[in-house]
């Protein structure tokens, strides 16, 4: 929600006094603005086989159809060491090295089974990202932990 400002005037004008109603208005507008900044979602957006090639993952049901910066949680139940990477949909930059030292804030490697990993990635204007893993791993989950709308 956008902030609705008052037109404050200097003393001795009494049309905008510091009053309980005006202070309550400022606090309400502040609280609403802060709530618009960060949304904690804790929502599963994928559960299935992880992709071995760059694949779109539409998370717009959680973040909306707008650009967002998203904190994701990935869970790999596999016991083998695997690499994974996420990137903004349509981004041609390669964040995946095909080895266990994938580079970038949106990439990582699992080192043990049954451990969660967190990555941060930007969506495109439709709320879509891309992801890729070493190989197809069943029962892989991806959750949106939190996000910030960046438009």
C-alpha atoms as a PDB file:
ATOM      1  CA  UNK A   1       0.000   0.000   0.000  1.00  0.00           C
ATOM      2  CA  UNK A   2       1.458   3.403  -0.898  1.00  0.00           C
ATOM      3  CA  UNK A   3       1.991   5.956   1.826  1.00  0.00           C
ATOM      4  CA  UNK A   4      -0.658   8.676   2.027  1.00  0.00           C
ATOM      5  CA  UNK A   5       1.130  11.781   3.336  1.00  0.00           C
ATOM      6  CA  UNK A   6      -0.321  14.702   5.210  1.00  0.00           C
ATOM      7  CA  UNK A   7       0.610  18.218   4.144  1.00  0.00           C
ATOM      8  CA  UNK A   8       2.223  19.368   7.384  1.00  0.00           C
ATOM      9  CA  UNK A   9       2.534  23.057   8.038  1.00  0.00           C
ATOM     10  CA  UNK A  10       4.741  24.948  10.475  1.00  0.00           C
ATOM     11  CA  UNK A  11       3.557  26.612  13.660  1.00  0.00           C
ATOM     12  CA  UNK A  12       1.368  28.619  14.275  1.00  0.00           C
ATOM     13  CA  UNK A  13      -0.867  26.958  11.670  1.00  0.00           C
ATOM     14  CA  UNK A  14      -3.249  24.624  13.489  1.00  0.00           C
ATOM     15  CA  UNK A  15      -4.607  22.706  10.506  1.00  0.00           C
ATOM     16  CA  UNK A  16      -2.129  19.853  11.018  1.00  0.00           C
ATOM     17  CA  UNK A  17      -1.417  19.609  14.726  1.00  0.00           C
ATOM     18  CA  UNK A  18       0.500  16.714  16.214  1.00  0.00           C
ATOM     19  CA  UNK A  19      -2.471  14.810  17.486  1.00  0.00           C
ATOM     20  CA  UNK A  20      -3.250  11.236  18.405  1.00  0.00           C
ATOM     21  CA  UNK A  21      -5.129  10.755  15.131  1.00  0.00           C
ATOM     22  CA  UNK A  22      -2.227  12.084  13.057  1.00  0.00           C
ATOM     23  CA  UNK A  23       0.355  10.020  14.934  1.00  0.00           C
ATOM     24  CA  UNK A  24      -1.837   6.925  14.596  1.00  0.00           C
ATOM     25  CA  UNK A  25      -2.029   7.624  10.861  1.00  0.00           C
ATOM     26  CA  UNK A  26       1.783   7.757  10.617  1.00  0.00           C
ATOM     27  CA  UNK A  27       2.198   4.526  12.592  1.00  0.00           C
ATOM     28  CA  UNK A  28      -0.413   2.704  10.500  1.00  0.00           C
ATOM     29  CA  UNK A  29       1.188   3.840   7.252  1.00  0.00           C
ATOM     30  CA  UNK A  30       4.624   2.765   8.544  1.00  0.00           C
ATOM     31  CA  UNK A  31       3.366  -0.674   9.605  1.00  0.00           C
ATOM     32  CA  UNK A  32       1.706  -1.233   6.227  1.00  0.00           C
ATOM     33  CA  UNK A  33       4.835  -0.131   4.341  1.00  0.00           C
ATOM     34  CA  UNK A  34       7.060  -2.487   6.352  1.00  0.00           C
ATOM     35  CA  UNK A  35       4.632  -5.363   5.762  1.00  0.00           C
ATOM     36  CA  UNK A  36       4.917  -4.731   2.012  1.00  0.00           C
ATOM     37  CA  UNK A  37       8.710  -5.066   2.063  1.00  0.00           C
ATOM     38  CA  UNK A  38       9.245  -8.680   3.140  1.00  0.00           C
ATOM     39  CA  UNK A  39       6.777 -11.522   2.861  1.00  0.00           C
ATOM     40  CA  UNK A  40       7.488 -14.710   4.755  1.00  0.00           C
ATOM     41  CA  UNK A  41       5.876 -17.485   2.752  1.00  0.00           C
ATOM     42  CA  UNK A  42       7.185 -20.905   3.943  1.00  0.00           C
ATOM     43  CA  UNK A  43       5.406 -22.476   0.958  1.00  0.00           C
ATOM     44  CA  UNK A  44       6.372 -25.562  -1.018  1.00  0.00           C
ATOM     45  CA  UNK A  45       6.501 -24.748  -4.746  1.00  0.00           C
ATOM     46  CA  UNK A  46       7.942 -28.010  -6.079  1.00  0.00           C
ATOM     47  CA  UNK A  47       7.982 -31.668  -5.077  1.00  0.00           C
ATOM     48  CA  UNK A  48       9.173 -34.248  -7.559  1.00  0.00           C
ATOM     49  CA  UNK A  49      12.115 -35.209  -9.731  1.00  0.00           C
ATOM     50  CA  UNK A  50      14.816 -32.568  -9.971  1.00  0.00           C
ATOM     51  CA  UNK A  51      15.691 -31.518 -13.552  1.00  0.00           C
ATOM     52  CA  UNK A  52      19.037 -32.376 -15.159  1.00  0.00           C
ATOM     53  CA  UNK A  53      18.682 -29.462 -17.638  1.00  0.00           C
ATOM     54  CA  UNK A  54      17.704 -25.820 -17.130  1.00  0.00           C
ATOM     55  CA  UNK A  55      13.958 -25.930 -16.444  1.00  0.00           C
ATOM     56  CA  UNK A  56      11.428 -23.195 -15.689  1.00  0.00           C
ATOM     57  CA  UNK A  57       9.924 -23.192 -12.214  1.00  0.00           C
ATOM     58  CA  UNK A  58       6.842 -20.973 -11.986  1.00  0.00           C
ATOM     59  CA  UNK A  59       6.560 -19.651  -8.428  1.00  0.00           C
ATOM     60  CA  UNK A  60       4.087 -16.869  -9.283  1.00  0.00           C
ATOM     61  CA  UNK A  61       1.384 -18.542  -7.191  1.00  0.00           C
ATOM     62  CA  UNK A  62       3.454 -17.461  -4.168  1.00  0.00           C
ATOM     63  CA  UNK A  63       5.323 -14.305  -5.268  1.00  0.00           C
ATOM     64  CA  UNK A  64       2.810 -12.984  -7.814  1.00  0.00           C
ATOM     65  CA  UNK A  65       3.359 -11.986 -11.434  1.00  0.00           C
ATOM     66  CA  UNK A  66       6.066  -9.444 -10.782  1.00  0.00           C
ATOM     67  CA  UNK A  67       9.820  -9.405 -10.274  1.00  0.00           C
ATOM     68  CA  UNK A  68      10.887 -10.535  -6.818  1.00  0.00           C
ATOM     69  CA  UNK A  69      14.004 -11.459  -4.900  1.00  0.00           C
ATOM     70  CA  UNK A  70      13.313 -14.879  -3.407  1.00  0.00           C
ATOM     71  CA  UNK A  71      14.905 -16.929  -0.644  1.00  0.00           C
ATOM     72  CA  UNK A  72      14.459 -20.611  -1.498  1.00  0.00           C
ATOM     73  CA  UNK A  73      14.976 -23.794   0.474  1.00  0.00           C
ATOM     74  CA  UNK A  74      15.943 -26.930  -1.475  1.00  0.00           C
ATOM     75  CA  UNK A  75      15.819 -30.426  -0.055  1.00  0.00           C
ATOM     76  CA  UNK A  76      17.678 -33.288  -1.676  1.00  0.00           C
ATOM     77  CA  UNK A  77      16.909 -36.692  -0.175  1.00  0.00           C
ATOM     78  CA  UNK A  78      19.666 -38.307  -2.240  1.00  0.00           C
ATOM     79  CA  UNK A  79      22.677 -39.704  -0.417  1.00  0.00           C
ATOM     80  CA  UNK A  80      25.114 -38.805  -3.184  1.00  0.00           C
ATOM     81  CA  UNK A  81      26.763 -35.424  -3.478  1.00  0.00           C
ATOM     82  CA  UNK A  82      24.835 -33.333  -6.018  1.00  0.00           C
ATOM     83  CA  UNK A  83      25.107 -29.819  -7.444  1.00  0.00           C
ATOM     84  CA  UNK A  84      22.200 -27.487  -8.120  1.00  0.00           C
ATOM     85  CA  UNK A  85      21.705 -23.973  -9.465  1.00  0.00           C
ATOM     86  CA  UNK A  86      18.914 -21.436  -9.810  1.00  0.00           C
ATOM     87  CA  UNK A  87      18.729 -18.332 -11.989  1.00  0.00           C
ATOM     88  CA  UNK A  88      16.290 -15.708 -13.208  1.00  0.00           C
ATOM     89  CA  UNK A  89      14.119 -16.994 -16.051  1.00  0.00           C
ATOM     90  CA  UNK A  90      15.662 -16.025 -19.381  1.00  0.00           C
ATOM     91  CA  UNK A  91      19.093 -15.319 -17.889  1.00  0.00           C
ATOM     92  CA  UNK A  92      21.732 -16.818 -20.169  1.00  0.00           C
ATOM     93  CA  UNK A  93      24.503 -16.607 -17.576  1.00  0.00           C
ATOM     94  CA  UNK A  94      25.739 -20.017 -16.497  1.00  0.00           C
ATOM     95  CA  UNK A  95      25.683 -20.502 -12.721  1.00  0.00           C
ATOM     96  CA  UNK A  96      26.153 -24.236 -12.968  1.00  0.00           C
ATOM     97  CA  UNK A  97      29.602 -25.727 -13.425  1.00  0.00           C
ATOM     98  CA  UNK A  98      28.679 -29.392 -13.628  1.00  0.00           C
ATOM     99  CA  UNK A  99      30.905 -30.164 -10.678  1.00  0.00           C
ATOM    100  CA  UNK A 100      30.550 -29.946  -6.938  1.00  0.00           C
ATOM    101  CA  UNK A 101      31.834 -26.401  -6.773  1.00  0.00           C
ATOM    102  CA  UNK A 102      29.055 -24.582  -8.627  1.00  0.00           C
ATOM    103  CA  UNK A 103      29.642 -20.860  -8.299  1.00  0.00           C
ATOM    104  CA  UNK A 104      27.287 -18.073  -7.382  1.00  0.00           C
ATOM    105  CA  UNK A 105      24.777 -17.105  -4.731  1.00  0.00           C
ATOM    106  CA  UNK A 106      22.126 -19.179  -6.510  1.00  0.00           C
ATOM    107  CA  UNK A 107      24.082 -22.434  -6.631  1.00  0.00           C
ATOM    108  CA  UNK A 108      25.395 -25.021  -4.253  1.00  0.00           C
ATOM    109  CA  UNK A 109      26.311 -28.617  -3.596  1.00  0.00           C
ATOM    110  CA  UNK A 110      24.785 -31.100  -1.225  1.00  0.00           C
ATOM    111  CA  UNK A 111      27.213 -32.913   1.007  1.00  0.00           C
ATOM    112  CA  UNK A 112      24.859 -35.245   2.818  1.00  0.00           C
ATOM    113  CA  UNK A 113      21.373 -36.667   2.583  1.00  0.00           C
ATOM    114  CA  UNK A 114      18.410 -35.149   4.417  1.00  0.00           C
ATOM    115  CA  UNK A 115      19.853 -31.629   4.732  1.00  0.00           C
ATOM    116  CA  UNK A 116      18.151 -28.439   3.555  1.00  0.00           C
ATOM    117  CA  UNK A 117      20.018 -25.781   1.563  1.00  0.00           C
ATOM    118  CA  UNK A 118      19.070 -22.134   1.013  1.00  0.00           C
ATOM    119  CA  UNK A 119      19.667 -19.980  -2.071  1.00  0.00           C
ATOM    120  CA  UNK A 120      18.605 -16.506  -3.149  1.00  0.00           C
ATOM    121  CA  UNK A 121      17.474 -15.804  -6.710  1.00  0.00           C
ATOM    122  CA  UNK A 122      15.566 -13.141  -8.650  1.00  0.00           C
ATOM    123  CA  UNK A 123      12.423 -13.978 -10.639  1.00  0.00           C
ATOM    124  CA  UNK A 124      11.474 -12.518 -13.995  1.00  0.00           C
ATOM    125  CA  UNK A 125       8.495 -10.151 -14.330  1.00  0.00           C
ATOM    126  CA  UNK A 126       6.115 -13.126 -14.333  1.00  0.00           C
ATOM    127  CA  UNK A 127       7.473 -14.713 -11.135  1.00  0.00           C
ATOM    128  CA  UNK A 128       9.399 -17.484 -12.907  1.00  0.00           C
ATOM    129  CA  UNK A 129      12.904 -18.828 -12.221  1.00  0.00           C
ATOM    130  CA  UNK A 130      15.005 -21.600 -13.793  1.00  0.00           C
ATOM    131  CA  UNK A 131      16.821 -24.443 -12.063  1.00  0.00           C
ATOM    132  CA  UNK A 132      19.070 -27.351 -12.844  1.00  0.00           C
ATOM    133  CA  UNK A 133      20.667 -30.228 -10.911  1.00  0.00           C
ATOM    134  CA  UNK A 134      23.399 -32.828 -11.475  1.00  0.00           C
ATOM    135  CA  UNK A 135      20.930 -35.550 -12.249  1.00  0.00           C
ATOM    136  CA  UNK A 136      17.334 -36.505 -11.740  1.00  0.00           C
ATOM    137  CA  UNK A 137      16.694 -37.019  -8.027  1.00  0.00           C
ATOM    138  CA  UNK A 138      13.241 -38.129  -6.872  1.00  0.00           C
ATOM    139  CA  UNK A 139      11.391 -36.400  -4.024  1.00  0.00           C
ATOM    140  CA  UNK A 140      13.340 -33.144  -4.331  1.00  0.00           C
ATOM    141  CA  UNK A 141      11.462 -30.230  -2.792  1.00  0.00           C
ATOM    142  CA  UNK A 142      11.778 -26.479  -3.267  1.00  0.00           C
ATOM    143  CA  UNK A 143      10.112 -24.056  -0.855  1.00  0.00           C
ATOM    144  CA  UNK A 144       9.828 -20.271  -0.943  1.00  0.00           C
ATOM    145  CA  UNK A 145      10.964 -19.156   2.501  1.00  0.00           C
ATOM    146  CA  UNK A 146      10.503 -15.419   1.923  1.00  0.00           C
ATOM    147  CA  UNK A 147      10.506 -12.835  -0.847  1.00  0.00           C
ATOM    148  CA  UNK A 148      10.673  -9.117  -1.592  1.00  0.00           C
ATOM    149  CA  UNK A 149       8.799  -7.588  -4.522  1.00  0.00           C
ATOM    150  CA  UNK A 150      11.368  -5.615  -6.522  1.00  0.00           C
ATOM    151  CA  UNK A 151       9.178  -3.712  -8.990  1.00  0.00           C
END
